[in-house]
C-alpha atoms as a PDB file:
ATOM      1  CA  MET A   1       0.000   0.000   0.000  1.00  0.00           C
ATOM      2  CA  ASN A   2       1.199   3.490  -0.829  1.00  0.00           C
ATOM      3  CA  PHE A   3       1.169   5.360   2.503  1.00  0.00           C
ATOM      4  CA  LYS A   4       1.703   8.752   0.867  1.00  0.00           C
ATOM      5  CA  LYS A   5      -1.458   8.225  -1.161  1.00  0.00           C
ATOM      6  CA  LEU A   6      -3.324   7.175   1.982  1.00  0.00           C
ATOM      7  CA  MET A   7      -2.341  10.438   3.687  1.00  0.00           C
ATOM      8  CA  MET A   8      -2.857  12.786   0.708  1.00  0.00           C
ATOM      9  CA  THR A   9      -5.583  15.360   1.067  1.00  0.00           C
ATOM     10  CA  ASP A  10      -6.556  18.347  -0.995  1.00  0.00           C
ATOM     11  CA  ALA A  11      -9.284  19.225   1.461  1.00  0.00           C
ATOM     12  CA  GLY A  12      -9.196  22.669   2.973  1.00  0.00           C
ATOM     13  CA  TRP A  13      -9.651  24.309   6.330  1.00  0.00           C
ATOM     14  CA  GLY A  14     -13.201  22.988   6.732  1.00  0.00           C
ATOM     15  CA  MET A  15     -11.864  19.467   7.214  1.00  0.00           C
ATOM     16  CA  PHE A  16      -9.349  20.852   9.704  1.00  0.00           C
ATOM     17  CA  VAL A  17     -12.187  22.253  11.826  1.00  0.00           C
ATOM     18  CA  LEU A  18     -14.226  19.042  11.516  1.00  0.00           C
ATOM     19  CA  ARG A  19     -11.177  16.909  12.356  1.00  0.00           C
ATOM     20  CA  VAL A  20     -10.183  18.830  15.476  1.00  0.00           C
ATOM     21  CA  VAL A  21     -13.704  19.149  16.904  1.00  0.00           C
ATOM     22  CA  THR A  22     -14.485  15.489  16.190  1.00  0.00           C
ATOM     23  CA  GLY A  23     -11.211  14.466  17.830  1.00  0.00           C
ATOM     24  CA  VAL A  24     -11.912  16.488  20.960  1.00  0.00           C
ATOM     25  CA  ILE A  25     -15.401  14.985  21.270  1.00  0.00           C
ATOM     26  CA  PHE A  26     -14.092  11.445  20.868  1.00  0.00           C
ATOM     27  CA  ILE A  27     -11.396  11.988  23.515  1.00  0.00           C
ATOM     28  CA  GLY A  28     -14.077  13.346  25.839  1.00  0.00           C
ATOM     29  CA  HIS A  29     -16.045  10.126  25.409  1.00  0.00           C
ATOM     30  CA  GLY A  30     -13.116   7.684  25.347  1.00  0.00           C
ATOM     31  CA  ALA A  31     -10.854   8.829  28.181  1.00  0.00           C
ATOM     32  CA  PRO A  32     -13.457   8.290  30.929  1.00  0.00           C
ATOM     33  CA  LYS A  33     -13.840   4.700  29.752  1.00  0.00           C
ATOM     34  CA  PHE A  34     -10.241   4.218  30.880  1.00  0.00           C
ATOM     35  CA  GLY A  35     -11.099   5.945  34.162  1.00  0.00           C
ATOM     36  CA  TRP A  36      -9.293   9.137  33.088  1.00  0.00           C
ATOM     37  CA  GLY A  37     -11.189  12.284  33.946  1.00  0.00           C
ATOM     38  CA  GLY A  38     -14.426  10.497  34.722  1.00  0.00           C
ATOM     39  CA  ASP A  39     -16.087   7.766  36.671  1.00  0.00           C
ATOM     40  CA  GLY A  40     -16.258   5.152  33.909  1.00  0.00           C
ATOM     41  CA  SER A  41     -14.278   1.970  33.659  1.00  0.00           C
ATOM     42  CA  LEU A  42     -13.471  -0.687  31.094  1.00  0.00           C
ATOM     43  CA  ALA A  43     -14.975  -3.346  33.347  1.00  0.00           C
ATOM     44  CA  GLY A  44     -18.230  -1.427  33.625  1.00  0.00           C
ATOM     45  CA  LEU A  45     -18.394  -0.899  29.875  1.00  0.00           C
ATOM     46  CA  ALA A  46     -17.539  -4.553  29.237  1.00  0.00           C
ATOM     47  CA  GLY A  47     -20.313  -5.653  31.596  1.00  0.00           C
ATOM     48  CA  TRP A  48     -22.793  -3.476  29.789  1.00  0.00           C
ATOM     49  CA  LEU A  49     -21.608  -4.644  26.332  1.00  0.00           C
ATOM     50  CA  GLY A  50     -22.000  -8.242  27.485  1.00  0.00           C
ATOM     51  CA  SER A  51     -25.515  -7.505  28.712  1.00  0.00           C
ATOM     52  CA  ILE A  52     -26.583  -6.416  25.220  1.00  0.00           C
ATOM     53  CA  GLY A  53     -25.047  -9.491  23.615  1.00  0.00           C
ATOM     54  CA  ILE A  54     -21.715  -8.174  22.317  1.00  0.00           C
ATOM     55  CA  PRO A  55     -19.257 -11.106  22.087  1.00  0.00           C
ATOM     56  CA  ALA A  56     -15.870 -10.735  23.849  1.00  0.00           C
ATOM     57  CA  PRO A  57     -17.129  -7.677  25.720  1.00  0.00           C
ATOM     58  CA  MET A  58     -13.796  -6.808  27.396  1.00  0.00           C
ATOM     59  CA  VAL A  59     -12.067  -6.776  24.010  1.00  0.00           C
ATOM     60  CA  GLY A  60     -14.883  -4.643  22.641  1.00  0.00           C
ATOM     61  CA  ALA A  61     -14.702  -2.256  25.589  1.00  0.00           C
ATOM     62  CA  PHE A  62     -10.961  -1.844  25.175  1.00  0.00           C
ATOM     63  CA  LEU A  63     -11.257  -1.258  21.406  1.00  0.00           C
ATOM     64  CA  VAL A  64     -13.992   1.334  21.838  1.00  0.00           C
ATOM     65  CA  ALA A  65     -12.068   3.191  24.552  1.00  0.00           C
ATOM     66  CA  PHE A  66      -8.801   2.925  22.607  1.00  0.00           C
ATOM     67  CA  PHE A  67     -10.222   4.160  19.311  1.00  0.00           C
ATOM     68  CA  GLU A  68     -12.194   6.973  20.915  1.00  0.00           C
ATOM     69  CA  THR A  69      -9.281   8.191  23.059  1.00  0.00           C
ATOM     70  CA  PHE A  70      -6.253   7.647  20.857  1.00  0.00           C
ATOM     71  CA  GLY A  71      -8.145   7.929  17.579  1.00  0.00           C
ATOM     72  CA  GLY A  72      -9.451  11.268  18.778  1.00  0.00           C
ATOM     73  CA  ALA A  73      -5.921  12.413  19.620  1.00  0.00           C
ATOM     74  CA  PHE A  74      -4.618  11.305  16.236  1.00  0.00           C
ATOM     75  CA  LEU A  75      -7.493  13.126  14.530  1.00  0.00           C
ATOM     76  CA  ILE A  76      -6.535  16.344  16.287  1.00  0.00           C
ATOM     77  CA  ILE A  77      -2.978  16.194  14.955  1.00  0.00           C
ATOM     78  CA  GLY A  78      -4.148  14.761  11.647  1.00  0.00           C
ATOM     79  CA  LEU A  79      -2.007  11.618  11.561  1.00  0.00           C
ATOM     80  CA  LEU A  80      -3.348   8.477   9.836  1.00  0.00           C
ATOM     81  CA  THR A  81      -6.708  10.227   9.748  1.00  0.00           C
ATOM     82  CA  ARG A  82      -8.362   7.829   7.325  1.00  0.00           C
ATOM     83  CA  PHE A  83      -7.401   4.790   9.425  1.00  0.00           C
ATOM     84  CA  TRP A  84      -8.657   6.247  12.713  1.00  0.00           C
ATOM     85  CA  SER A  85     -11.782   7.643  11.042  1.00  0.00           C
ATOM     86  CA  ALA A  86     -12.687   4.232   9.630  1.00  0.00           C
ATOM     87  CA  GLY A  87     -12.481   2.649  13.081  1.00  0.00           C
ATOM     88  CA  LEU A  88     -14.444   5.465  14.681  1.00  0.00           C
ATOM     89  CA  ALA A  89     -17.135   5.329  11.981  1.00  0.00           C
ATOM     90  CA  PHE A  90     -17.477   1.592  12.624  1.00  0.00           C
ATOM     91  CA  ALA A  91     -17.763   2.158  16.379  1.00  0.00           C
ATOM     92  CA  MET A  92     -20.500   4.726  15.796  1.00  0.00           C
ATOM     93  CA  LEU A  93     -22.315   2.380  13.412  1.00  0.00           C
ATOM     94  CA  ILE A  94     -22.419  -0.160  16.226  1.00  0.00           C
ATOM     95  CA  ALA A  95     -23.582   2.544  18.648  1.00  0.00           C
ATOM     96  CA  VAL A  96     -26.397   3.614  16.315  1.00  0.00           C
ATOM     97  CA  THR A  97     -27.626   0.124  15.466  1.00  0.00           C
ATOM     98  CA  LEU A  98     -27.142  -1.785  18.720  1.00  0.00           C
ATOM     99  CA  VAL A  99     -27.399   0.888  21.381  1.00  0.00           C
ATOM    100  CA  HIS A 100     -29.546   3.851  20.310  1.00  0.00           C
ATOM    101  CA  LEU A 101     -31.758   2.770  17.393  1.00  0.00           C
ATOM    102  CA  ASP A 102     -34.717   1.629  19.504  1.00  0.00           C
ATOM    103  CA  ASP A 103     -34.854   5.066  21.148  1.00  0.00           C
ATOM    104  CA  GLY A 104     -35.405   6.822  17.815  1.00  0.00           C
ATOM    105  CA  MET A 105     -33.385   9.622  16.345  1.00  0.00           C
ATOM    106  CA  PHE A 106     -34.482  12.396  18.688  1.00  0.00           C
ATOM    107  CA  GLY A 107     -35.835  10.549  21.723  1.00  0.00           C
ATOM    108  CA  GLU A 108     -34.207  10.194  25.113  1.00  0.00           C
ATOM    109  CA  ASN A 109     -30.855   8.511  24.358  1.00  0.00           C
ATOM    110  CA  GLY A 110     -31.608   8.869  20.633  1.00  0.00           C
ATOM    111  CA  TYR A 111     -29.085   8.070  17.944  1.00  0.00           C
ATOM    112  CA  GLN A 112     -28.647  11.585  16.488  1.00  0.00           C
ATOM    113  CA  TRP A 113     -25.331  12.183  18.294  1.00  0.00           C
ATOM    114  CA  ALA A 114     -23.774   8.853  17.288  1.00  0.00           C
ATOM    115  CA  LEU A 115     -25.053   9.356  13.730  1.00  0.00           C
ATOM    116  CA  LEU A 116     -23.435  12.795  13.543  1.00  0.00           C
ATOM    117  CA  LEU A 117     -20.119  11.414  14.827  1.00  0.00           C
ATOM    118  CA  MET A 118     -20.341   8.569  12.305  1.00  0.00           C
ATOM    119  CA  ALA A 119     -20.979  11.057   9.479  1.00  0.00           C
ATOM    120  CA  SER A 120     -18.064  13.246  10.616  1.00  0.00           C
ATOM    121  CA  SER A 121     -15.783  10.212  10.708  1.00  0.00           C
ATOM    122  CA  LEU A 122     -16.921   9.090   7.243  1.00  0.00           C
ATOM    123  CA  ALA A 123     -16.309  12.580   5.821  1.00  0.00           C
ATOM    124  CA  LEU A 124     -12.768  12.542   7.234  1.00  0.00           C
ATOM    125  CA  MET A 125     -12.212   9.030   5.905  1.00  0.00           C
ATOM    126  CA  ILE A 126     -13.331  10.092   2.413  1.00  0.00           C
ATOM    127  CA  ASP A 127     -11.711  13.533   2.096  1.00  0.00           C
ATOM    128  CA  GLY A 128      -8.770  13.158   4.436  1.00  0.00           C
ATOM    129  CA  ALA A 129      -7.411  15.368   7.168  1.00  0.00           C
ATOM    130  CA  GLY A 130      -7.318  18.674   5.320  1.00  0.00           C
ATOM    131  CA  LYS A 131      -4.927  21.519   5.946  1.00  0.00           C
ATOM    132  CA  GLY A 132      -2.914  21.797   9.130  1.00  0.00           C
ATOM    133  CA  SER A 133      -2.466  18.030   9.392  1.00  0.00           C
ATOM    134  CA  LEU A 134       0.556  15.795   9.702  1.00  0.00           C
ATOM    135  CA  ASP A 135      -0.932  13.607   6.965  1.00  0.00           C
ATOM    136  CA  ARG A 136      -0.756  16.517   4.519  1.00  0.00           C
ATOM    137  CA  LYS A 137       2.767  17.432   5.593  1.00  0.00           C
ATOM    138  CA  LEU A 138       4.017  13.844   5.193  1.00  0.00           C
ATOM    139  CA  ALA A 139       2.244  13.260   1.868  1.00  0.00           C
ATOM    140  CA  TYR A 140       3.763  16.221   0.005  1.00  0.00           C
END
């Protein structure tokens, strides 16, 4: 695989704004799952994932927390943006379909937030990191 091609982006400053804000939001949701800056825990998340039928719930909990926390950080600096965005979009697809769908789009615990984060991640995956990113600097 050509890594320079993977990191190339002609996108402008709009993708920069989307990338940084999306990254900050994901860190804010992921770090507490590790017990950093919040009262969450991997064990608690794993227990909940198991209760809704997710196989290997501790692995799933770790992957969600890892991608949200570190993926968010890598989005902010714009490094391997397409890779991290793909993983985050997948995580949000799972959140929409398995966690929030029954509550409707706008209901209590609705899926609008997860859907928006999935769309943001997909846009970054498609168009790349934009200006002000390490991807752009390394690709050119």
